[in-house]
Amino acid sequence: GVTLKDGGATFTSAVGVTGNTTITSGNLVIGTSGNGIDFSAVSGSASGSSSALLDDYEEGTFTPAADFASASPSAGATVGQGVYTKIGRLVNIQARLVNINVTGSSGDIKITGLPFTSLADSGDGSVTLFSGTCKMGSVNVASGSYCVSEIIDNVNHARVMECTDNVGTDVLNTANFDHGASDLHLNLTYPVQ
């Protein structure tokens, strides 16, 4: 076998390993952008699979803001807290916005500041929107309805949709919120560029 000690070694060609490899201390560092862990030798890929390369992992925080599409609140958009995890080209966000400012605003709710822009639709309609969960406090919706978080293609902001049985869906707007009292908690997963 090959033993690497402090200072390591540099290989200029592929190194084949039979069996498992254990890293007892330190990290496996991918030194060049666009490279990663290649799963192409694994059988069972779905038809239409375009890549078996895991080339990105990232986690962090972001600063979401509750704003409105036509006019921002006079006190400014409500700033919240957010965390995200990105694995490959799939991002999961969780955002918390409390005591949302509404006075002076108008239009549909718009959660800005997402860490990545959603995947653009190729024109076939296959990636036009992605839905997630939404927990609300002091938000006025019709009896029997529920809300979901949603992001459409090629944007870096989300919206909150009210879904009512046998009626349809609509984006929440200023009329649905009580100034300084309404809260939103979003969990949303979407593909990115």
C-alpha atoms as a PDB file:
ATOM      1  CA  GLY A   1       0.000   0.000   0.000  1.00  0.00           C
ATOM      2  CA  VAL A   2       0.858   3.668  -0.110  1.00  0.00           C
ATOM      3  CA  THR A   3       1.155   5.665   3.099  1.00  0.00           C
ATOM      4  CA  LEU A   4       0.893   9.453   2.953  1.00  0.00           C
ATOM      5  CA  LYS A   5       2.357  11.406   5.842  1.00  0.00           C
ATOM      6  CA  ASP A   6       2.431  15.113   6.695  1.00  0.00           C
ATOM      7  CA  GLY A   7       3.417  16.998   3.595  1.00  0.00           C
ATOM      8  CA  GLY A   8       1.652  14.355   1.512  1.00  0.00           C
ATOM      9  CA  ALA A   9       2.576  13.291  -1.954  1.00  0.00           C
ATOM     10  CA  THR A  10       1.561  14.438  -5.410  1.00  0.00           C
ATOM     11  CA  PHE A  11       0.294  11.980  -8.004  1.00  0.00           C
ATOM     12  CA  THR A  12       0.327  13.082 -11.624  1.00  0.00           C
ATOM     13  CA  SER A  13      -1.753  10.163 -12.855  1.00  0.00           C
ATOM     14  CA  ALA A  14      -4.722   8.216 -11.547  1.00  0.00           C
ATOM     15  CA  VAL A  15      -4.198   6.042  -8.500  1.00  0.00           C
ATOM     16  CA  GLY A  16      -6.279   2.876  -8.390  1.00  0.00           C
ATOM     17  CA  VAL A  17      -7.420   1.563  -5.022  1.00  0.00           C
ATOM     18  CA  THR A  18      -9.012  -1.813  -4.479  1.00  0.00           C
ATOM     19  CA  GLY A  19     -11.095  -1.975  -1.319  1.00  0.00           C
ATOM     20  CA  ASN A  20     -12.027   0.821   1.030  1.00  0.00           C
ATOM     21  CA  THR A  21      -9.990   3.920   1.717  1.00  0.00           C
ATOM     22  CA  THR A  22     -10.046   5.538   5.142  1.00  0.00           C
ATOM     23  CA  ILE A  23      -8.963   9.071   5.915  1.00  0.00           C
ATOM     24  CA  THR A  24      -8.136   9.045   9.620  1.00  0.00           C
ATOM     25  CA  SER A  25      -7.352  12.740   9.929  1.00  0.00           C
ATOM     26  CA  GLY A  26      -8.020  15.724   7.680  1.00  0.00           C
ATOM     27  CA  ASN A  27     -10.337  16.190   4.723  1.00  0.00           C
ATOM     28  CA  LEU A  28     -10.604  14.974   1.182  1.00  0.00           C
ATOM     29  CA  VAL A  29     -10.099  18.198  -0.771  1.00  0.00           C
ATOM     30  CA  ILE A  30     -11.247  18.531  -4.377  1.00  0.00           C
ATOM     31  CA  GLY A  31      -8.588  20.872  -5.740  1.00  0.00           C
ATOM     32  CA  THR A  32     -10.141  21.906  -9.061  1.00  0.00           C
ATOM     33  CA  SER A  33     -13.545  23.417  -9.749  1.00  0.00           C
ATOM     34  CA  GLY A  34     -15.877  21.110 -11.672  1.00  0.00           C
ATOM     35  CA  ASN A  35     -14.369  17.932 -10.219  1.00  0.00           C
ATOM     36  CA  GLY A  36     -15.904  15.806  -7.498  1.00  0.00           C
ATOM     37  CA  ILE A  37     -16.993  12.286  -6.688  1.00  0.00           C
ATOM     38  CA  ASP A  38     -17.914  10.356  -9.822  1.00  0.00           C
ATOM     39  CA  PHE A  39     -20.723   7.802  -9.411  1.00  0.00           C
ATOM     40  CA  SER A  40     -20.905   6.879 -13.103  1.00  0.00           C
ATOM     41  CA  ALA A  41     -19.698   3.311 -12.402  1.00  0.00           C
ATOM     42  CA  VAL A  42     -22.780   2.695 -10.227  1.00  0.00           C
ATOM     43  CA  SER A  43     -25.467   0.749 -12.048  1.00  0.00           C
ATOM     44  CA  GLY A  44     -29.085   1.793 -11.948  1.00  0.00           C
ATOM     45  CA  SER A  45     -28.924   5.366 -13.202  1.00  0.00           C
ATOM     46  CA  ALA A  46     -32.272   6.536 -14.501  1.00  0.00           C
ATOM     47  CA  SER A  47     -32.754   6.968 -18.214  1.00  0.00           C
ATOM     48  CA  GLY A  48     -32.113  10.567 -19.112  1.00  0.00           C
ATOM     49  CA  SER A  49     -29.416  10.931 -16.449  1.00  0.00           C
ATOM     50  CA  SER A  50     -27.036  13.674 -17.571  1.00  0.00           C
ATOM     51  CA  SER A  51     -24.468  13.506 -14.780  1.00  0.00           C
ATOM     52  CA  ALA A  52     -23.289  11.215 -12.009  1.00  0.00           C
ATOM     53  CA  LEU A  53     -20.728  13.685 -10.649  1.00  0.00           C
ATOM     54  CA  LEU A  54     -21.231  15.132  -7.170  1.00  0.00           C
ATOM     55  CA  ASP A  55     -19.240  18.323  -7.595  1.00  0.00           C
ATOM     56  CA  ASP A  56     -20.509  20.654  -4.891  1.00  0.00           C
ATOM     57  CA  TYR A  57     -21.467  20.711  -1.224  1.00  0.00           C
ATOM     58  CA  GLU A  58     -22.003  23.900   0.721  1.00  0.00           C
ATOM     59  CA  GLU A  59     -23.887  25.037   3.788  1.00  0.00           C
ATOM     60  CA  GLY A  60     -24.305  28.476   5.265  1.00  0.00           C
ATOM     61  CA  THR A  61     -26.595  31.306   6.244  1.00  0.00           C
ATOM     62  CA  PHE A  62     -28.424  33.941   4.249  1.00  0.00           C
ATOM     63  CA  THR A  63     -30.549  36.976   5.071  1.00  0.00           C
ATOM     64  CA  PRO A  64     -34.116  36.671   3.789  1.00  0.00           C
ATOM     65  CA  ALA A  65     -36.382  39.702   3.732  1.00  0.00           C
ATOM     66  CA  ALA A  66     -40.179  39.925   3.561  1.00  0.00           C
ATOM     67  CA  ASP A  67     -40.958  42.558   0.955  1.00  0.00           C
ATOM     68  CA  PHE A  68     -43.912  43.229  -1.338  1.00  0.00           C
ATOM     69  CA  ALA A  69     -43.911  43.330  -5.140  1.00  0.00           C
ATOM     70  CA  SER A  70     -45.590  46.704  -5.809  1.00  0.00           C
ATOM     71  CA  ALA A  71     -44.347  48.840  -2.885  1.00  0.00           C
ATOM     72  CA  SER A  72     -42.086  48.139   0.092  1.00  0.00           C
ATOM     73  CA  PRO A  73     -43.270  48.807   3.646  1.00  0.00           C
ATOM     74  CA  SER A  74     -42.572  52.360   4.867  1.00  0.00           C
ATOM     75  CA  ALA A  75     -40.480  50.900   7.731  1.00  0.00           C
ATOM     76  CA  GLY A  76     -38.552  48.769   5.220  1.00  0.00           C
ATOM     77  CA  ALA A  77     -38.649  45.074   4.424  1.00  0.00           C
ATOM     78  CA  THR A  78     -38.607  42.754   7.431  1.00  0.00           C
ATOM     79  CA  VAL A  79     -35.223  41.051   7.696  1.00  0.00           C
ATOM     80  CA  GLY A  80     -35.112  37.483   9.000  1.00  0.00           C
ATOM     81  CA  GLN A  81     -32.753  34.559   9.412  1.00  0.00           C
ATOM     82  CA  GLY A  82     -32.040  31.779   6.958  1.00  0.00           C
ATOM     83  CA  VAL A  83     -29.892  28.690   6.583  1.00  0.00           C
ATOM     84  CA  TYR A  84     -29.200  26.644   3.470  1.00  0.00           C
ATOM     85  CA  THR A  85     -27.557  23.430   2.309  1.00  0.00           C
ATOM     86  CA  LYS A  86     -26.479  22.953  -1.313  1.00  0.00           C
ATOM     87  CA  ILE A  87     -25.716  19.440  -2.548  1.00  0.00           C
ATOM     88  CA  GLY A  88     -24.795  19.320  -6.208  1.00  0.00           C
ATOM     89  CA  ARG A  89     -27.291  21.632  -7.887  1.00  0.00           C
ATOM     90  CA  LEU A  90     -30.072  21.129  -5.310  1.00  0.00           C
ATOM     91  CA  VAL A  91     -30.552  23.769  -2.580  1.00  0.00           C
ATOM     92  CA  ASN A  92     -32.657  23.471   0.579  1.00  0.00           C
ATOM     93  CA  ILE A  93     -33.459  26.705   2.418  1.00  0.00           C
ATOM     94  CA  GLN A  94     -35.115  27.371   5.736  1.00  0.00           C
ATOM     95  CA  ALA A  95     -36.153  30.940   6.481  1.00  0.00           C
ATOM     96  CA  ARG A  96     -37.763  32.613   9.497  1.00  0.00           C
ATOM     97  CA  LEU A  97     -39.431  36.030   9.270  1.00  0.00           C
ATOM     98  CA  VAL A  98     -41.243  37.404  12.326  1.00  0.00           C
ATOM     99  CA  ASN A  99     -43.333  40.515  13.011  1.00  0.00           C
ATOM    100  CA  ILE A 100     -43.540  41.371   9.321  1.00  0.00           C
ATOM    101  CA  ASN A 101     -43.773  45.072   8.398  1.00  0.00           C
ATOM    102  CA  VAL A 102     -46.785  45.828   6.183  1.00  0.00           C
ATOM    103  CA  THR A 103     -47.707  49.517   6.629  1.00  0.00           C
ATOM    104  CA  GLY A 104     -47.251  51.444   3.371  1.00  0.00           C
ATOM    105  CA  SER A 105     -46.693  48.327   1.286  1.00  0.00           C
ATOM    106  CA  SER A 106     -48.742  46.911  -1.549  1.00  0.00           C
ATOM    107  CA  GLY A 107     -48.769  43.868  -3.773  1.00  0.00           C
ATOM    108  CA  ASP A 108     -47.834  40.223  -3.372  1.00  0.00           C
ATOM    109  CA  ILE A 109     -45.407  38.934  -0.732  1.00  0.00           C
ATOM    110  CA  LYS A 110     -41.863  38.486  -2.017  1.00  0.00           C
ATOM    111  CA  ILE A 111     -39.209  36.733   0.088  1.00  0.00           C
ATOM    112  CA  THR A 112     -35.922  38.154  -1.213  1.00  0.00           C
ATOM    113  CA  GLY A 113     -32.287  37.393  -0.502  1.00  0.00           C
ATOM    114  CA  LEU A 114     -32.255  33.675  -1.356  1.00  0.00           C
ATOM    115  CA  PRO A 115     -28.674  32.392  -1.671  1.00  0.00           C
ATOM    116  CA  PHE A 116     -28.983  31.044  -5.255  1.00  0.00           C
ATOM    117  CA  THR A 117     -31.021  31.720  -8.400  1.00  0.00           C
ATOM    118  CA  SER A 118     -33.394  28.905  -9.342  1.00  0.00           C
ATOM    119  CA  LEU A 119     -32.848  26.858 -12.495  1.00  0.00           C
ATOM    120  CA  ALA A 120     -34.112  28.489 -15.691  1.00  0.00           C
ATOM    121  CA  ASP A 121     -36.754  26.569 -17.615  1.00  0.00           C
ATOM    122  CA  SER A 122     -35.519  25.248 -20.936  1.00  0.00           C
ATOM    123  CA  GLY A 123     -38.810  26.149 -22.619  1.00  0.00           C
ATOM    124  CA  ASP A 124     -40.538  22.784 -22.185  1.00  0.00           C
ATOM    125  CA  GLY A 125     -42.257  23.758 -18.916  1.00  0.00           C
ATOM    126  CA  SER A 126     -40.555  21.006 -16.905  1.00  0.00           C
ATOM    127  CA  VAL A 127     -38.973  23.315 -14.304  1.00  0.00           C
ATOM    128  CA  THR A 128     -41.353  26.239 -13.975  1.00  0.00           C
ATOM    129  CA  LEU A 129     -41.953  26.133 -10.211  1.00  0.00           C
ATOM    130  CA  PHE A 130     -41.008  24.306  -7.021  1.00  0.00           C
ATOM    131  CA  SER A 131     -43.066  24.150  -3.824  1.00  0.00           C
ATOM    132  CA  GLY A 132     -42.181  23.717  -0.173  1.00  0.00           C
ATOM    133  CA  THR A 133     -43.767  24.092   3.228  1.00  0.00           C
ATOM    134  CA  CYS A 134     -44.834  27.227   5.058  1.00  0.00           C
ATOM    135  CA  LYS A 135     -45.789  27.676   8.702  1.00  0.00           C
ATOM    136  CA  MET A 136     -47.691  30.894   9.437  1.00  0.00           C
ATOM    137  CA  GLY A 137     -48.661  32.906  12.482  1.00  0.00           C
ATOM    138  CA  SER A 138     -51.248  35.716  12.453  1.00  0.00           C
ATOM    139  CA  VAL A 139     -51.721  35.461   8.685  1.00  0.00           C
ATOM    140  CA  ASN A 140     -55.268  35.908   7.378  1.00  0.00           C
ATOM    141  CA  VAL A 141     -56.326  33.168   4.963  1.00  0.00           C
ATOM    142  CA  ALA A 142     -59.684  31.644   4.026  1.00  0.00           C
ATOM    143  CA  SER A 143     -61.133  28.932   6.224  1.00  0.00           C
ATOM    144  CA  GLY A 144     -60.029  25.507   5.034  1.00  0.00           C
ATOM    145  CA  SER A 145     -57.093  26.798   3.026  1.00  0.00           C
ATOM    146  CA  TYR A 146     -53.390  26.137   3.532  1.00  0.00           C
ATOM    147  CA  CYS A 147     -50.219  27.799   2.319  1.00  0.00           C
ATOM    148  CA  VAL A 148     -47.069  26.626   0.559  1.00  0.00           C
ATOM    149  CA  SER A 149     -43.796  28.365  -0.218  1.00  0.00           C
ATOM    150  CA  GLU A 150     -42.917  28.509  -3.887  1.00  0.00           C
ATOM    151  CA  ILE A 151     -40.143  29.609  -6.226  1.00  0.00           C
ATOM    152  CA  ILE A 152     -40.564  29.961  -9.971  1.00  0.00           C
ATOM    153  CA  ASP A 153     -37.781  29.409 -12.498  1.00  0.00           C
ATOM    154  CA  ASN A 154     -34.792  31.734 -12.905  1.00  0.00           C
ATOM    155  CA  VAL A 155     -35.326  33.977  -9.831  1.00  0.00           C
ATOM    156  CA  ASN A 156     -33.742  34.378  -6.399  1.00  0.00           C
ATOM    157  CA  HIS A 157     -36.886  35.149  -4.429  1.00  0.00           C
ATOM    158  CA  ALA A 158     -39.792  33.055  -3.139  1.00  0.00           C
ATOM    159  CA  ARG A 159     -43.475  33.706  -2.625  1.00  0.00           C
ATOM    160  CA  VAL A 160     -46.182  32.227  -0.415  1.00  0.00           C
ATOM    161  CA  MET A 161     -49.271  30.744  -2.050  1.00  0.00           C
ATOM    162  CA  GLU A 162     -52.698  30.246  -0.457  1.00  0.00           C
ATOM    163  CA  CYS A 163     -54.311  27.014  -1.654  1.00  0.00           C
ATOM    164  CA  THR A 164     -58.077  26.742  -1.247  1.00  0.00           C
ATOM    165  CA  ASP A 165     -60.032  23.568  -1.983  1.00  0.00           C
ATOM    166  CA  ASN A 166     -62.082  23.772  -5.206  1.00  0.00           C
ATOM    167  CA  VAL A 167     -61.013  27.393  -5.734  1.00  0.00           C
ATOM    168  CA  GLY A 168     -57.339  27.409  -6.702  1.00  0.00           C
ATOM    169  CA  THR A 169     -54.214  29.218  -5.559  1.00  0.00           C
ATOM    170  CA  ASP A 170     -53.232  32.821  -5.111  1.00  0.00           C
ATOM    171  CA  VAL A 171     -50.123  34.635  -3.872  1.00  0.00           C
ATOM    172  CA  LEU A 172     -50.511  36.138  -0.388  1.00  0.00           C
ATOM    173  CA  ASN A 173     -50.516  39.939  -0.432  1.00  0.00           C
ATOM    174  CA  THR A 174     -50.554  42.828   2.027  1.00  0.00           C
ATOM    175  CA  ALA A 175     -54.212  42.183   2.944  1.00  0.00           C
ATOM    176  CA  ASN A 176     -53.248  38.769   4.363  1.00  0.00           C
ATOM    177  CA  PHE A 177     -50.780  40.189   6.908  1.00  0.00           C
ATOM    178  CA  ASP A 178     -51.168  42.066  10.216  1.00  0.00           C
ATOM    179  CA  HIS A 179     -48.472  44.733  10.580  1.00  0.00           C
ATOM    180  CA  GLY A 180     -45.893  43.769  13.199  1.00  0.00           C
ATOM    181  CA  ALA A 181     -47.680  40.524  14.108  1.00  0.00           C
ATOM    182  CA  SER A 182     -47.496  38.114  11.148  1.00  0.00           C
ATOM    183  CA  ASP A 183     -44.775  35.442  10.982  1.00  0.00           C
ATOM    184  CA  LEU A 184     -43.594  33.094   8.217  1.00  0.00           C
ATOM    185  CA  HIS A 185     -41.339  30.037   8.416  1.00  0.00           C
ATOM    186  CA  LEU A 186     -40.390  28.549   5.023  1.00  0.00           C
ATOM    187  CA  ASN A 187     -38.737  25.289   4.010  1.00  0.00           C
ATOM    188  CA  LEU A 188     -38.098  25.037   0.267  1.00  0.00           C
ATOM    189  CA  THR A 189     -35.930  22.846  -1.969  1.00  0.00           C
ATOM    190  CA  TYR A 190     -35.139  23.869  -5.548  1.00  0.00           C
ATOM    191  CA  PRO A 191     -32.593  23.201  -8.336  1.00  0.00           C
ATOM    192  CA  VAL A 192     -30.120  25.902  -9.306  1.00  0.00           C
ATOM    193  CA  GLN A 193     -28.150  26.918 -12.409  1.00  0.00           C
END
